[in-house]
Amino acid sequence: MKILAAQLVFAASALAFSTLASVPAMARSKTFHSPKVGGKMLDGCYSWPGPCKSKRQANAFCRRKGFDFAADFEASNEFGAYQAKRLGDGGVCTASCTVMQMVRCSTDEGDDDDDYGDED
């Protein structure tokens, strides 16, 4: 009797798994406003020297967050005393930097957007 019960549980589990595996993955996206890396603002440059306002930098940020790519991003030149992190060369800009204002990360071309504020 115990063997029959175990076989039924196994069969039910296998059926449930095969049903879930056949469901197509949903698009996932998330918008990061004023994105940060390690407590520092996200620089718009992937490495120095530029180019800045870089899709490559936005893509690298999204991959760090578990997404496939940056569907959209905004960057602007900022003046002041702060630190902005470059992901390509690991450097930090400390004045007159191009800074990412927003990065929208996605897993595919769909737009299932959750809008989030400042995240580290």
PDB file of N, CA and C in Angstrom:
ATOM      1  N   MET A   1       0.822  -1.189   0.000  1.00  0.00           N
ATOM      2  CA  MET A   1       0.000   0.000   0.000  1.00  0.00           C
ATOM      3  C   MET A   1       0.872   1.261   0.000  1.00  0.00           C
ATOM      4  N   LYS A   2       1.953   1.242   0.802  1.00  0.00           N
ATOM      5  CA  LYS A   2       2.840   2.399   0.855  1.00  0.00           C
ATOM      6  C   LYS A   2       3.502   2.634  -0.501  1.00  0.00           C
ATOM      7  N   ILE A   3       3.835   1.564  -1.194  1.00  0.00           N
ATOM      8  CA  ILE A   3       4.473   1.689  -2.505  1.00  0.00           C
ATOM      9  C   ILE A   3       3.506   2.318  -3.497  1.00  0.00           C
ATOM     10  N   LEU A   4       2.236   1.896  -3.474  1.00  0.00           N
ATOM     11  CA  LEU A   4       1.229   2.458  -4.372  1.00  0.00           C
ATOM     12  C   LEU A   4       1.038   3.949  -4.097  1.00  0.00           C
ATOM     13  N   ALA A   5       0.985   4.336  -2.823  1.00  0.00           N
ATOM     14  CA  ALA A   5       0.836   5.756  -2.465  1.00  0.00           C
ATOM     15  C   ALA A   5       2.034   6.558  -2.950  1.00  0.00           C
ATOM     16  N   ALA A   6       3.225   6.017  -2.794  1.00  0.00           N
ATOM     17  CA  ALA A   6       4.433   6.710  -3.251  1.00  0.00           C
ATOM     18  C   ALA A   6       4.429   6.861  -4.764  1.00  0.00           C
ATOM     19  N   GLN A   7       3.981   5.832  -5.472  1.00  0.00           N
ATOM     20  CA  GLN A   7       3.906   5.914  -6.936  1.00  0.00           C
ATOM     21  C   GLN A   7       2.888   6.957  -7.372  1.00  0.00           C
ATOM     22  N   LEU A   8       1.762   7.063  -6.694  1.00  0.00           N
ATOM     23  CA  LEU A   8       0.750   8.060  -7.026  1.00  0.00           C
ATOM     24  C   LEU A   8       1.271   9.478  -6.789  1.00  0.00           C
ATOM     25  N   VAL A   9       1.972   9.670  -5.683  1.00  0.00           N
ATOM     26  CA  VAL A   9       2.553  10.992  -5.391  1.00  0.00           C
ATOM     27  C   VAL A   9       3.579  11.349  -6.457  1.00  0.00           C
ATOM     28  N   PHE A  10       4.411  10.393  -6.840  1.00  0.00           N
ATOM     29  CA  PHE A  10       5.410  10.645  -7.884  1.00  0.00           C
ATOM     30  C   PHE A  10       4.746  10.994  -9.210  1.00  0.00           C
ATOM     31  N   ALA A  11       3.716  10.257  -9.584  1.00  0.00           N
ATOM     32  CA  ALA A  11       3.020  10.513 -10.849  1.00  0.00           C
ATOM     33  C   ALA A  11       2.357  11.883 -10.839  1.00  0.00           C
ATOM     34  N   ALA A  12       1.738  12.256  -9.723  1.00  0.00           N
ATOM     35  CA  ALA A  12       1.097  13.569  -9.619  1.00  0.00           C
ATOM     36  C   ALA A  12       2.133  14.684  -9.700  1.00  0.00           C
ATOM     37  N   SER A  13       3.263  14.490  -9.062  1.00  0.00           N
ATOM     38  CA  SER A  13       4.331  15.495  -9.111  1.00  0.00           C
ATOM     39  C   SER A  13       4.873  15.658 -10.522  1.00  0.00           C
ATOM     40  N   ALA A  14       5.075  14.541 -11.210  1.00  0.00           N
ATOM     41  CA  ALA A  14       5.588  14.585 -12.578  1.00  0.00           C
ATOM     42  C   ALA A  14       4.602  15.294 -13.500  1.00  0.00           C
ATOM     43  N   LEU A  15       3.311  15.029 -13.328  1.00  0.00           N
ATOM     44  CA  LEU A  15       2.292  15.677 -14.139  1.00  0.00           C
ATOM     45  C   LEU A  15       2.255  17.179 -13.874  1.00  0.00           C
ATOM     46  N   ALA A  16       2.324  17.573 -12.614  1.00  0.00           N
ATOM     47  CA  ALA A  16       2.315  18.998 -12.270  1.00  0.00           C
ATOM     48  C   ALA A  16       3.530  19.699 -12.848  1.00  0.00           C
ATOM     49  N   PHE A  17       4.692  19.088 -12.757  1.00  0.00           N
ATOM     50  CA  PHE A  17       5.919  19.691 -13.289  1.00  0.00           C
ATOM     51  C   PHE A  17       5.839  19.835 -14.800  1.00  0.00           C
ATOM     52  N   SER A  18       5.363  18.796 -15.497  1.00  0.00           N
ATOM     53  CA  SER A  18       5.294  18.869 -16.962  1.00  0.00           C
ATOM     54  C   SER A  18       4.307  19.921 -17.407  1.00  0.00           C
ATOM     55  N   THR A  19       3.233  20.156 -16.656  1.00  0.00           N
ATOM     56  CA  THR A  19       2.264  21.206 -16.983  1.00  0.00           C
ATOM     57  C   THR A  19       2.900  22.578 -16.807  1.00  0.00           C
ATOM     58  N   LEU A  20       3.628  22.781 -15.718  1.00  0.00           N
ATOM     59  CA  LEU A  20       4.293  24.065 -15.482  1.00  0.00           C
ATOM     60  C   LEU A  20       5.382  24.326 -16.517  1.00  0.00           C
ATOM     61  N   ALA A  21       6.097  23.298 -16.919  1.00  0.00           N
ATOM     62  CA  ALA A  21       7.189  23.459 -17.872  1.00  0.00           C
ATOM     63  C   ALA A  21       6.673  23.881 -19.241  1.00  0.00           C
ATOM     64  N   SER A  22       5.429  23.566 -19.562  1.00  0.00           N
ATOM     65  CA  SER A  22       4.903  23.902 -20.880  1.00  0.00           C
ATOM     66  C   SER A  22       4.326  25.318 -20.945  1.00  0.00           C
ATOM     67  N   VAL A  23       4.188  25.999 -19.802  1.00  0.00           N
ATOM     68  CA  VAL A  23       3.670  27.363 -19.788  1.00  0.00           C
ATOM     69  C   VAL A  23       4.787  28.306 -20.211  1.00  0.00           C
ATOM     70  N   PRO A  24       4.549  29.168 -21.223  1.00  0.00           N
ATOM     71  CA  PRO A  24       5.605  30.073 -21.660  1.00  0.00           C
ATOM     72  C   PRO A  24       5.961  31.077 -20.561  1.00  0.00           C
ATOM     73  N   ALA A  25       7.241  31.442 -20.508  1.00  0.00           N
ATOM     74  CA  ALA A  25       7.708  32.410 -19.507  1.00  0.00           C
ATOM     75  C   ALA A  25       7.118  33.782 -19.805  1.00  0.00           C
ATOM     76  N   MET A  26       6.716  34.466 -18.766  1.00  0.00           N
ATOM     77  CA  MET A  26       6.163  35.815 -18.923  1.00  0.00           C
ATOM     78  C   MET A  26       7.314  36.817 -18.969  1.00  0.00           C
ATOM     79  N   ALA A  27       7.093  37.859 -19.721  1.00  0.00           N
ATOM     80  CA  ALA A  27       8.082  38.938 -19.765  1.00  0.00           C
ATOM     81  C   ALA A  27       8.156  39.580 -18.385  1.00  0.00           C
ATOM     82  N   ARG A  28       9.353  39.920 -17.983  1.00  0.00           N
ATOM     83  CA  ARG A  28       9.567  40.606 -16.717  1.00  0.00           C
ATOM     84  C   ARG A  28      10.332  41.866 -16.999  1.00  0.00           C
ATOM     85  N   SER A  29       9.907  42.975 -16.433  1.00  0.00           N
ATOM     86  CA  SER A  29      10.700  44.187 -16.529  1.00  0.00           C
ATOM     87  C   SER A  29      10.570  44.964 -15.228  1.00  0.00           C
ATOM     88  N   LYS A  30      11.557  45.799 -14.992  1.00  0.00           N
ATOM     89  CA  LYS A  30      11.584  46.598 -13.770  1.00  0.00           C
ATOM     90  C   LYS A  30      12.307  47.897 -14.084  1.00  0.00           C
ATOM     91  N   THR A  31      11.745  48.991 -13.635  1.00  0.00           N
ATOM     92  CA  THR A  31      12.357  50.301 -13.847  1.00  0.00           C
ATOM     93  C   THR A  31      13.052  50.746 -12.565  1.00  0.00           C
ATOM     94  N   PHE A  32      14.311  51.130 -12.699  1.00  0.00           N
ATOM     95  CA  PHE A  32      15.105  51.631 -11.571  1.00  0.00           C
ATOM     96  C   PHE A  32      15.308  53.123 -11.775  1.00  0.00           C
ATOM     97  N   HIS A  33      14.791  53.922 -10.865  1.00  0.00           N
ATOM     98  CA  HIS A  33      15.015  55.372 -10.901  1.00  0.00           C
ATOM     99  C   HIS A  33      16.222  55.681 -10.021  1.00  0.00           C
ATOM    100  N   SER A  34      17.116  56.536 -10.499  1.00  0.00           N
ATOM    101  CA  SER A  34      18.352  56.854  -9.778  1.00  0.00           C
ATOM    102  C   SER A  34      19.067  55.571  -9.352  1.00  0.00           C
ATOM    103  N   PRO A  35      19.367  54.694 -10.309  1.00  0.00           N
ATOM    104  CA  PRO A  35      19.971  53.398  -9.958  1.00  0.00           C
ATOM    105  C   PRO A  35      21.333  53.561  -9.292  1.00  0.00           C
ATOM    106  N   LYS A  36      21.610  52.655  -8.378  1.00  0.00           N
ATOM    107  CA  LYS A  36      22.878  52.681  -7.645  1.00  0.00           C
ATOM    108  C   LYS A  36      23.536  51.316  -7.668  1.00  0.00           C
ATOM    109  N   VAL A  37      24.853  51.339  -7.509  1.00  0.00           N
ATOM    110  CA  VAL A  37      25.662  50.119  -7.408  1.00  0.00           C
ATOM    111  C   VAL A  37      26.582  50.309  -6.212  1.00  0.00           C
ATOM    112  N   GLY A  38      26.455  49.444  -5.231  1.00  0.00           N
ATOM    113  CA  GLY A  38      27.300  49.553  -4.041  1.00  0.00           C
ATOM    114  C   GLY A  38      27.185  50.904  -3.348  1.00  0.00           C
ATOM    115  N   GLY A  39      25.987  51.475  -3.341  1.00  0.00           N
ATOM    116  CA  GLY A  39      25.766  52.762  -2.687  1.00  0.00           C
ATOM    117  C   GLY A  39      26.164  53.966  -3.518  1.00  0.00           C
ATOM    118  N   LYS A  40      26.737  53.736  -4.694  1.00  0.00           N
ATOM    119  CA  LYS A  40      27.154  54.835  -5.574  1.00  0.00           C
ATOM    120  C   LYS A  40      26.171  54.966  -6.731  1.00  0.00           C
ATOM    121  N   MET A  41      26.041  56.184  -7.231  1.00  0.00           N
ATOM    122  CA  MET A  41      25.213  56.408  -8.409  1.00  0.00           C
ATOM    123  C   MET A  41      25.776  55.593  -9.567  1.00  0.00           C
ATOM    124  N   LEU A  42      24.922  55.216 -10.508  1.00  0.00           N
ATOM    125  CA  LEU A  42      25.363  54.481 -11.689  1.00  0.00           C
ATOM    126  C   LEU A  42      25.834  55.479 -12.740  1.00  0.00           C
ATOM    127  N   ASP A  43      27.111  55.402 -13.066  1.00  0.00           N
ATOM    128  CA  ASP A  43      27.686  56.286 -14.087  1.00  0.00           C
ATOM    129  C   ASP A  43      27.056  55.964 -15.439  1.00  0.00           C
ATOM    130  N   GLY A  44      27.031  56.923 -16.321  1.00  0.00           N
ATOM    131  CA  GLY A  44      26.529  56.705 -17.674  1.00  0.00           C
ATOM    132  C   GLY A  44      27.580  56.102 -18.590  1.00  0.00           C
ATOM    133  N   CYS A  45      28.822  56.074 -18.148  1.00  0.00           N
ATOM    134  CA  CYS A  45      29.927  55.525 -18.941  1.00  0.00           C
ATOM    135  C   CYS A  45      30.222  54.099 -18.489  1.00  0.00           C
ATOM    136  N   TYR A  46      30.438  53.215 -19.443  1.00  0.00           N
ATOM    137  CA  TYR A  46      30.811  51.836 -19.111  1.00  0.00           C
ATOM    138  C   TYR A  46      32.261  51.774 -18.668  1.00  0.00           C
ATOM    139  N   SER A  47      33.112  52.546 -19.318  1.00  0.00           N
ATOM    140  CA  SER A  47      34.524  52.648 -18.940  1.00  0.00           C
ATOM    141  C   SER A  47      35.016  54.035 -19.358  1.00  0.00           C
ATOM    142  N   TRP A  48      36.200  54.390 -18.856  1.00  0.00           N
ATOM    143  CA  TRP A  48      36.759  55.699 -19.173  1.00  0.00           C
ATOM    144  C   TRP A  48      38.021  55.515 -19.983  1.00  0.00           C
ATOM    145  N   PRO A  49      38.185  56.240 -21.077  1.00  0.00           N
ATOM    146  CA  PRO A  49      37.258  57.250 -21.609  1.00  0.00           C
ATOM    147  C   PRO A  49      36.065  56.605 -22.307  1.00  0.00           C
ATOM    148  N   GLY A  50      34.957  57.339 -22.378  1.00  0.00           N
ATOM    149  CA  GLY A  50      33.629  57.009 -22.907  1.00  0.00           C
ATOM    150  C   GLY A  50      33.598  55.930 -23.969  1.00  0.00           C
ATOM    151  N   PRO A  51      32.558  55.831 -24.750  1.00  0.00           N
ATOM    152  CA  PRO A  51      31.456  56.795 -24.815  1.00  0.00           C
ATOM    153  C   PRO A  51      30.549  56.694 -23.585  1.00  0.00           C
ATOM    154  N   CYS A  52      29.897  57.803 -23.316  1.00  0.00           N
ATOM    155  CA  CYS A  52      28.983  57.854 -22.177  1.00  0.00           C
ATOM    156  C   CYS A  52      27.544  57.884 -22.681  1.00  0.00           C
ATOM    157  N   LYS A  53      26.605  57.913 -21.736  1.00  0.00           N
ATOM    158  CA  LYS A  53      25.185  57.696 -22.053  1.00  0.00           C
ATOM    159  C   LYS A  53      25.098  56.371 -22.816  1.00  0.00           C
ATOM    160  N   SER A  54      25.676  55.361 -22.217  1.00  0.00           N
ATOM    161  CA  SER A  54      26.008  54.097 -22.872  1.00  0.00           C
ATOM    162  C   SER A  54      24.981  52.995 -22.638  1.00  0.00           C
ATOM    163  N   LYS A  55      24.473  52.445 -23.726  1.00  0.00           N
ATOM    164  CA  LYS A  55      23.584  51.269 -23.663  1.00  0.00           C
ATOM    165  C   LYS A  55      24.352  50.091 -23.046  1.00  0.00           C
ATOM    166  N   ARG A  56      25.654  50.031 -23.303  1.00  0.00           N
ATOM    167  CA  ARG A  56      26.467  48.951 -22.736  1.00  0.00           C
ATOM    168  C   ARG A  56      26.457  49.009 -21.207  1.00  0.00           C
ATOM    169  N   GLN A  57      26.538  50.202 -20.633  1.00  0.00           N
ATOM    170  CA  GLN A  57      26.497  50.370 -19.185  1.00  0.00           C
ATOM    171  C   GLN A  57      25.117  49.971 -18.646  1.00  0.00           C
ATOM    172  N   ALA A  58      24.068  50.401 -19.328  1.00  0.00           N
ATOM    173  CA  ALA A  58      22.708  50.055 -18.906  1.00  0.00           C
ATOM    174  C   ALA A  58      22.498  48.542 -18.958  1.00  0.00           C
ATOM    175  N   ASN A  59      22.974  47.898 -20.028  1.00  0.00           N
ATOM    176  CA  ASN A  59      22.857  46.438 -20.147  1.00  0.00           C
ATOM    177  C   ASN A  59      23.613  45.730 -19.023  1.00  0.00           C
ATOM    178  N   ALA A  60      24.817  46.204 -18.700  1.00  0.00           N
ATOM    179  CA  ALA A  60      25.617  45.590 -17.632  1.00  0.00           C
ATOM    180  C   ALA A  60      24.891  45.709 -16.291  1.00  0.00           C
ATOM    181  N   PHE A  61      24.280  46.862 -16.034  1.00  0.00           N
ATOM    182  CA  PHE A  61      23.514  47.052 -14.797  1.00  0.00           C
ATOM    183  C   PHE A  61      22.364  46.044 -14.729  1.00  0.00           C
ATOM    184  N   CYS A  62      21.635  45.907 -15.834  1.00  0.00           N
ATOM    185  CA  CYS A  62      20.489  44.984 -15.852  1.00  0.00           C
ATOM    186  C   CYS A  62      20.923  43.545 -15.635  1.00  0.00           C
ATOM    187  N   ARG A  63      22.019  43.145 -16.248  1.00  0.00           N
ATOM    188  CA  ARG A  63      22.509  41.780 -16.044  1.00  0.00           C
ATOM    189  C   ARG A  63      22.878  41.550 -14.576  1.00  0.00           C
ATOM    190  N   ARG A  64      23.447  42.553 -13.917  1.00  0.00           N
ATOM    191  CA  ARG A  64      23.771  42.446 -12.486  1.00  0.00           C
ATOM    192  C   ARG A  64      22.515  42.243 -11.650  1.00  0.00           C
ATOM    193  N   LYS A  65      21.405  42.775 -12.130  1.00  0.00           N
ATOM    194  CA  LYS A  65      20.128  42.688 -11.414  1.00  0.00           C
ATOM    195  C   LYS A  65      19.313  41.460 -11.813  1.00  0.00           C
ATOM    196  N   GLY A  66      19.870  40.604 -12.694  1.00  0.00           N
ATOM    197  CA  GLY A  66      19.195  39.373 -13.059  1.00  0.00           C
ATOM    198  C   GLY A  66      18.301  39.466 -14.288  1.00  0.00           C
ATOM    199  N   PHE A  67      18.420  40.544 -15.050  1.00  0.00           N
ATOM    200  CA  PHE A  67      17.641  40.714 -16.272  1.00  0.00           C
ATOM    201  C   PHE A  67      18.542  40.467 -17.485  1.00  0.00           C
ATOM    202  N   ASP A  68      17.935  40.406 -18.664  1.00  0.00           N
ATOM    203  CA  ASP A  68      18.693  40.122 -19.882  1.00  0.00           C
ATOM    204  C   ASP A  68      19.315  41.366 -20.501  1.00  0.00           C
ATOM    205  N   PHE A  69      18.617  42.495 -20.460  1.00  0.00           N
ATOM    206  CA  PHE A  69      19.100  43.701 -21.137  1.00  0.00           C
ATOM    207  C   PHE A  69      18.332  44.923 -20.656  1.00  0.00           C
ATOM    208  N   ALA A  70      18.820  46.098 -21.053  1.00  0.00           N
ATOM    209  CA  ALA A  70      18.139  47.356 -20.762  1.00  0.00           C
ATOM    210  C   ALA A  70      17.211  47.697 -21.929  1.00  0.00           C
ATOM    211  N   ALA A  71      15.927  47.751 -21.649  1.00  0.00           N
ATOM    212  CA  ALA A  71      14.953  48.103 -22.678  1.00  0.00           C
ATOM    213  C   ALA A  71      14.961  49.602 -22.936  1.00  0.00           C
ATOM    214  N   ASP A  72      15.330  50.386 -21.919  1.00  0.00           N
ATOM    215  CA  ASP A  72      15.362  51.839 -22.051  1.00  0.00           C
ATOM    216  C   ASP A  72      16.237  52.394 -20.929  1.00  0.00           C
ATOM    217  N   PHE A  73      16.784  53.578 -21.148  1.00  0.00           N
ATOM    218  CA  PHE A  73      17.549  54.240 -20.091  1.00  0.00           C
ATOM    219  C   PHE A  73      17.623  55.731 -20.390  1.00  0.00           C
ATOM    220  N   GLU A  74      17.878  56.509 -19.341  1.00  0.00           N
ATOM    221  CA  GLU A  74      18.087  57.946 -19.469  1.00  0.00           C
ATOM    222  C   GLU A  74      19.323  58.312 -18.667  1.00  0.00           C
ATOM    223  N   ALA A  75      20.162  59.155 -19.249  1.00  0.00           N
ATOM    224  CA  ALA A  75      21.371  59.615 -18.566  1.00  0.00           C
ATOM    225  C   ALA A  75      21.513  61.107 -18.803  1.00  0.00           C
ATOM    226  N   SER A  76      22.116  61.790 -17.841  1.00  0.00           N
ATOM    227  CA  SER A  76      22.354  63.222 -18.012  1.00  0.00           C
ATOM    228  C   SER A  76      23.669  63.601 -17.336  1.00  0.00           C
ATOM    229  N   ASN A  77      24.199  64.740 -17.723  1.00  0.00           N
ATOM    230  CA  ASN A  77      25.429  65.246 -17.118  1.00  0.00           C
ATOM    231  C   ASN A  77      25.084  65.903 -15.792  1.00  0.00           C
ATOM    232  N   GLU A  78      25.810  65.528 -14.752  1.00  0.00           N
ATOM    233  CA  GLU A  78      25.567  66.048 -13.410  1.00  0.00           C
ATOM    234  C   GLU A  78      26.845  66.698 -12.884  1.00  0.00           C
ATOM    235  N   PHE A  79      26.673  67.806 -12.209  1.00  0.00           N
ATOM    236  CA  PHE A  79      27.807  68.493 -11.606  1.00  0.00           C
ATOM    237  C   PHE A  79      27.649  68.455 -10.097  1.00  0.00           C
ATOM    238  N   GLY A  80      28.744  68.305  -9.389  1.00  0.00           N
ATOM    239  CA  GLY A  80      28.684  68.276  -7.939  1.00  0.00           C
ATOM    240  C   GLY A  80      29.650  67.258  -7.368  1.00  0.00           C
ATOM    241  N   ALA A  81      29.648  67.159  -6.045  1.00  0.00           N
ATOM    242  CA  ALA A  81      30.537  66.234  -5.345  1.00  0.00           C
ATOM    243  C   ALA A  81      29.763  64.967  -4.988  1.00  0.00           C
ATOM    244  N   TYR A  82      30.026  63.901  -5.682  1.00  0.00           N
ATOM    245  CA  TYR A  82      29.405  62.608  -5.450  1.00  0.00           C
ATOM    246  C   TYR A  82      30.255  61.560  -6.151  1.00  0.00           C
ATOM    247  N   GLN A  83      29.846  60.322  -6.092  1.00  0.00           N
ATOM    248  CA  GLN A  83      30.578  59.251  -6.771  1.00  0.00           C
ATOM    249  C   GLN A  83      29.621  58.485  -7.678  1.00  0.00           C
ATOM    250  N   ALA A  84      30.078  58.210  -8.910  1.00  0.00           N
ATOM    251  CA  ALA A  84      29.295  57.434  -9.871  1.00  0.00           C
ATOM    252  C   ALA A  84      30.142  56.257 -10.356  1.00  0.00           C
ATOM    253  N   LYS A  85      29.601  55.072 -10.251  1.00  0.00           N
ATOM    254  CA  LYS A  85      30.335  53.830 -10.532  1.00  0.00           C
ATOM    255  C   LYS A  85      30.214  53.414 -11.998  1.00  0.00           C
ATOM    256  N   ARG A  86      31.380  53.117 -12.602  1.00  0.00           N
ATOM    257  CA  ARG A  86      31.422  52.532 -13.947  1.00  0.00           C
ATOM    258  C   ARG A  86      31.555  51.022 -13.791  1.00  0.00           C
ATOM    259  N   LEU A  87      30.764  50.266 -14.538  1.00  0.00           N
ATOM    260  CA  LEU A  87      30.785  48.806 -14.411  1.00  0.00           C
ATOM    261  C   LEU A  87      31.850  48.155 -15.284  1.00  0.00           C
ATOM    262  N   GLY A  88      32.233  48.802 -16.373  1.00  0.00           N
ATOM    263  CA  GLY A  88      33.197  48.202 -17.296  1.00  0.00           C
ATOM    264  C   GLY A  88      34.596  48.105 -16.734  1.00  0.00           C
ATOM    265  N   ASP A  89      35.121  49.226 -16.224  1.00  0.00           N
ATOM    266  CA  ASP A  89      36.484  49.227 -15.695  1.00  0.00           C
ATOM    267  C   ASP A  89      36.513  49.302 -14.171  1.00  0.00           C
ATOM    268  N   GLY A  90      35.321  49.349 -13.537  1.00  0.00           N
ATOM    269  CA  GLY A  90      35.248  49.393 -12.080  1.00  0.00           C
ATOM    270  C   GLY A  90      35.609  50.738 -11.485  1.00  0.00           C
ATOM    271  N   GLY A  91      35.847  51.730 -12.340  1.00  0.00           N
ATOM    272  CA  GLY A  91      36.243  53.045 -11.865  1.00  0.00           C
ATOM    273  C   GLY A  91      35.087  53.843 -11.297  1.00  0.00           C
ATOM    274  N   VAL A  92      35.440  54.965 -10.676  1.00  0.00           N
ATOM    275  CA  VAL A  92      34.453  55.851 -10.059  1.00  0.00           C
ATOM    276  C   VAL A  92      34.697  57.267 -10.539  1.00  0.00           C
ATOM    277  N   CYS A  93      33.670  57.900 -11.038  1.00  0.00           N
ATOM    278  CA  CYS A  93      33.723  59.315 -11.409  1.00  0.00           C
ATOM    279  C   CYS A  93      33.335  60.123 -10.177  1.00  0.00           C
ATOM    280  N   THR A  94      34.051  61.247  -9.928  1.00  0.00           N
ATOM    281  CA  THR A  94      33.787  62.021  -8.711  1.00  0.00           C
ATOM    282  C   THR A  94      33.307  63.443  -8.961  1.00  0.00           C
ATOM    283  N   ALA A  95      33.311  63.907 -10.195  1.00  0.00           N
ATOM    284  CA  ALA A  95      32.813  65.258 -10.484  1.00  0.00           C
ATOM    285  C   ALA A  95      32.496  65.374 -11.968  1.00  0.00           C
ATOM    286  N   SER A  96      31.460  66.137 -12.277  1.00  0.00           N
ATOM    287  CA  SER A  96      31.054  66.364 -13.668  1.00  0.00           C
ATOM    288  C   SER A  96      30.905  65.045 -14.426  1.00  0.00           C
ATOM    289  N   CYS A  97      30.043  64.184 -13.924  1.00  0.00           N
ATOM    290  CA  CYS A  97      29.863  62.844 -14.482  1.00  0.00           C
ATOM    291  C   CYS A  97      28.573  62.769 -15.294  1.00  0.00           C
ATOM    292  N   THR A  98      28.548  61.809 -16.200  1.00  0.00           N
ATOM    293  CA  THR A  98      27.292  61.427 -16.832  1.00  0.00           C
ATOM    294  C   THR A  98      26.688  60.348 -15.943  1.00  0.00           C
ATOM    295  N   VAL A  99      25.450  60.556 -15.489  1.00  0.00           N
ATOM    296  CA  VAL A  99      24.832  59.674 -14.502  1.00  0.00           C
ATOM    297  C   VAL A  99      23.525  59.116 -15.066  1.00  0.00           C
ATOM    298  N   MET A 100      23.301  57.834 -14.835  1.00  0.00           N
ATOM    299  CA  MET A 100      22.033  57.218 -15.229  1.00  0.00           C
ATOM    300  C   MET A 100      20.924  57.738 -14.317  1.00  0.00           C
ATOM    301  N   GLN A 101      19.881  58.260 -14.928  1.00  0.00           N
ATOM    302  CA  GLN A 101      18.721  58.737 -14.179  1.00  0.00           C
ATOM    303  C   GLN A 101      17.665  57.646 -14.033  1.00  0.00           C
ATOM    304  N   MET A 102      17.600  56.773 -15.054  1.00  0.00           N
ATOM    305  CA  MET A 102      16.607  55.707 -15.075  1.00  0.00           C
ATOM    306  C   MET A 102      17.119  54.596 -15.974  1.00  0.00           C
ATOM    307  N   VAL A 103      16.892  53.351 -15.545  1.00  0.00           N
ATOM    308  CA  VAL A 103      17.186  52.187 -16.373  1.00  0.00           C
ATOM    309  C   VAL A 103      15.992  51.245 -16.253  1.00  0.00           C
ATOM    310  N   ARG A 104      15.441  50.850 -17.397  1.00  0.00           N
ATOM    311  CA  ARG A 104      14.352  49.866 -17.405  1.00  0.00           C
ATOM    312  C   ARG A 104      14.927  48.561 -17.929  1.00  0.00           C
ATOM    313  N   CYS A 105      14.957  47.561 -17.062  1.00  0.00           N
ATOM    314  CA  CYS A 105      15.522  46.257 -17.385  1.00  0.00           C
ATOM    315  C   CYS A 105      14.411  45.291 -17.767  1.00  0.00           C
ATOM    316  N   SER A 106      14.740  44.345 -18.651  1.00  0.00           N
ATOM    317  CA  SER A 106      13.732  43.402 -19.119  1.00  0.00           C
ATOM    318  C   SER A 106      14.350  42.036 -19.375  1.00  0.00           C
ATOM    319  N   THR A 107      13.480  41.023 -19.378  1.00  0.00           N
ATOM    320  CA  THR A 107      13.913  39.671 -19.712  1.00  0.00           C
ATOM    321  C   THR A 107      13.680  39.364 -21.179  1.00  0.00           C
ATOM    322  N   ASP A 108      12.775  40.100 -21.818  1.00  0.00           N
ATOM    323  CA  ASP A 108      12.553  39.950 -23.256  1.00  0.00           C
ATOM    324  C   ASP A 108      11.836  41.191 -23.771  1.00  0.00           C
ATOM    325  N   GLU A 109      11.321  41.149 -24.979  1.00  0.00           N
ATOM    326  CA  GLU A 109      10.731  42.332 -25.602  1.00  0.00           C
ATOM    327  C   GLU A 109       9.403  42.750 -24.989  1.00  0.00           C
ATOM    328  N   GLY A 110       8.795  41.913 -24.132  1.00  0.00           N
ATOM    329  CA  GLY A 110       7.527  42.266 -23.509  1.00  0.00           C
ATOM    330  C   GLY A 110       7.715  43.388 -22.506  1.00  0.00           C
ATOM    331  N   ASP A 111       6.620  43.990 -22.054  1.00  0.00           N
ATOM    332  CA  ASP A 111       6.689  45.080 -21.099  1.00  0.00           C
ATOM    333  C   ASP A 111       5.712  44.830 -19.959  1.00  0.00           C
ATOM    334  N   ASP A 112       6.162  44.059 -18.975  1.00  0.00           N
ATOM    335  CA  ASP A 112       5.382  43.779 -17.782  1.00  0.00           C
ATOM    336  C   ASP A 112       6.011  44.605 -16.665  1.00  0.00           C
ATOM    337  N   ASP A 113       5.939  45.937 -16.780  1.00  0.00           N
ATOM    338  CA  ASP A 113       6.756  46.850 -16.005  1.00  0.00           C
ATOM    339  C   ASP A 113       6.270  47.050 -14.576  1.00  0.00           C
ATOM    340  N   ASP A 114       7.178  46.868 -13.644  1.00  0.00           N
ATOM    341  CA  ASP A 114       6.993  47.277 -12.262  1.00  0.00           C
ATOM    342  C   ASP A 114       7.874  48.491 -12.073  1.00  0.00           C
ATOM    343  N   ASP A 115       7.327  49.566 -11.504  1.00  0.00           N
ATOM    344  CA  ASP A 115       8.045  50.823 -11.388  1.00  0.00           C
ATOM    345  C   ASP A 115       8.562  50.972  -9.961  1.00  0.00           C
ATOM    346  N   TYR A 116       9.881  51.057  -9.796  1.00  0.00           N
ATOM    347  CA  TYR A 116      10.505  51.126  -8.494  1.00  0.00           C
ATOM    348  C   TYR A 116      11.335  52.392  -8.372  1.00  0.00           C
ATOM    349  N   GLY A 117      11.470  52.870  -7.138  1.00  0.00           N
ATOM    350  CA  GLY A 117      12.308  54.026  -6.876  1.00  0.00           C
ATOM    351  C   GLY A 117      13.761  53.617  -6.714  1.00  0.00           C
ATOM    352  N   ASP A 118      14.481  54.444  -6.057  1.00  0.00           N
ATOM    353  CA  ASP A 118      15.922  54.272  -5.837  1.00  0.00           C
ATOM    354  C   ASP A 118      16.190  52.932  -5.193  1.00  0.00           C
ATOM    355  N   GLU A 119      17.006  52.103  -5.851  1.00  0.00           N
ATOM    356  CA  GLU A 119      17.360  50.793  -5.319  1.00  0.00           C
ATOM    357  C   GLU A 119      18.852  50.589  -5.408  1.00  0.00           C
ATOM    358  N   ASP A 120      19.370  49.836  -4.507  1.00  0.00           N
ATOM    359  CA  ASP A 120      20.799  49.540  -4.479  1.00  0.00           C
ATOM    360  C   ASP A 120      21.050  48.131  -4.886  1.00  0.00           C
TER     361      ASP A 120
END
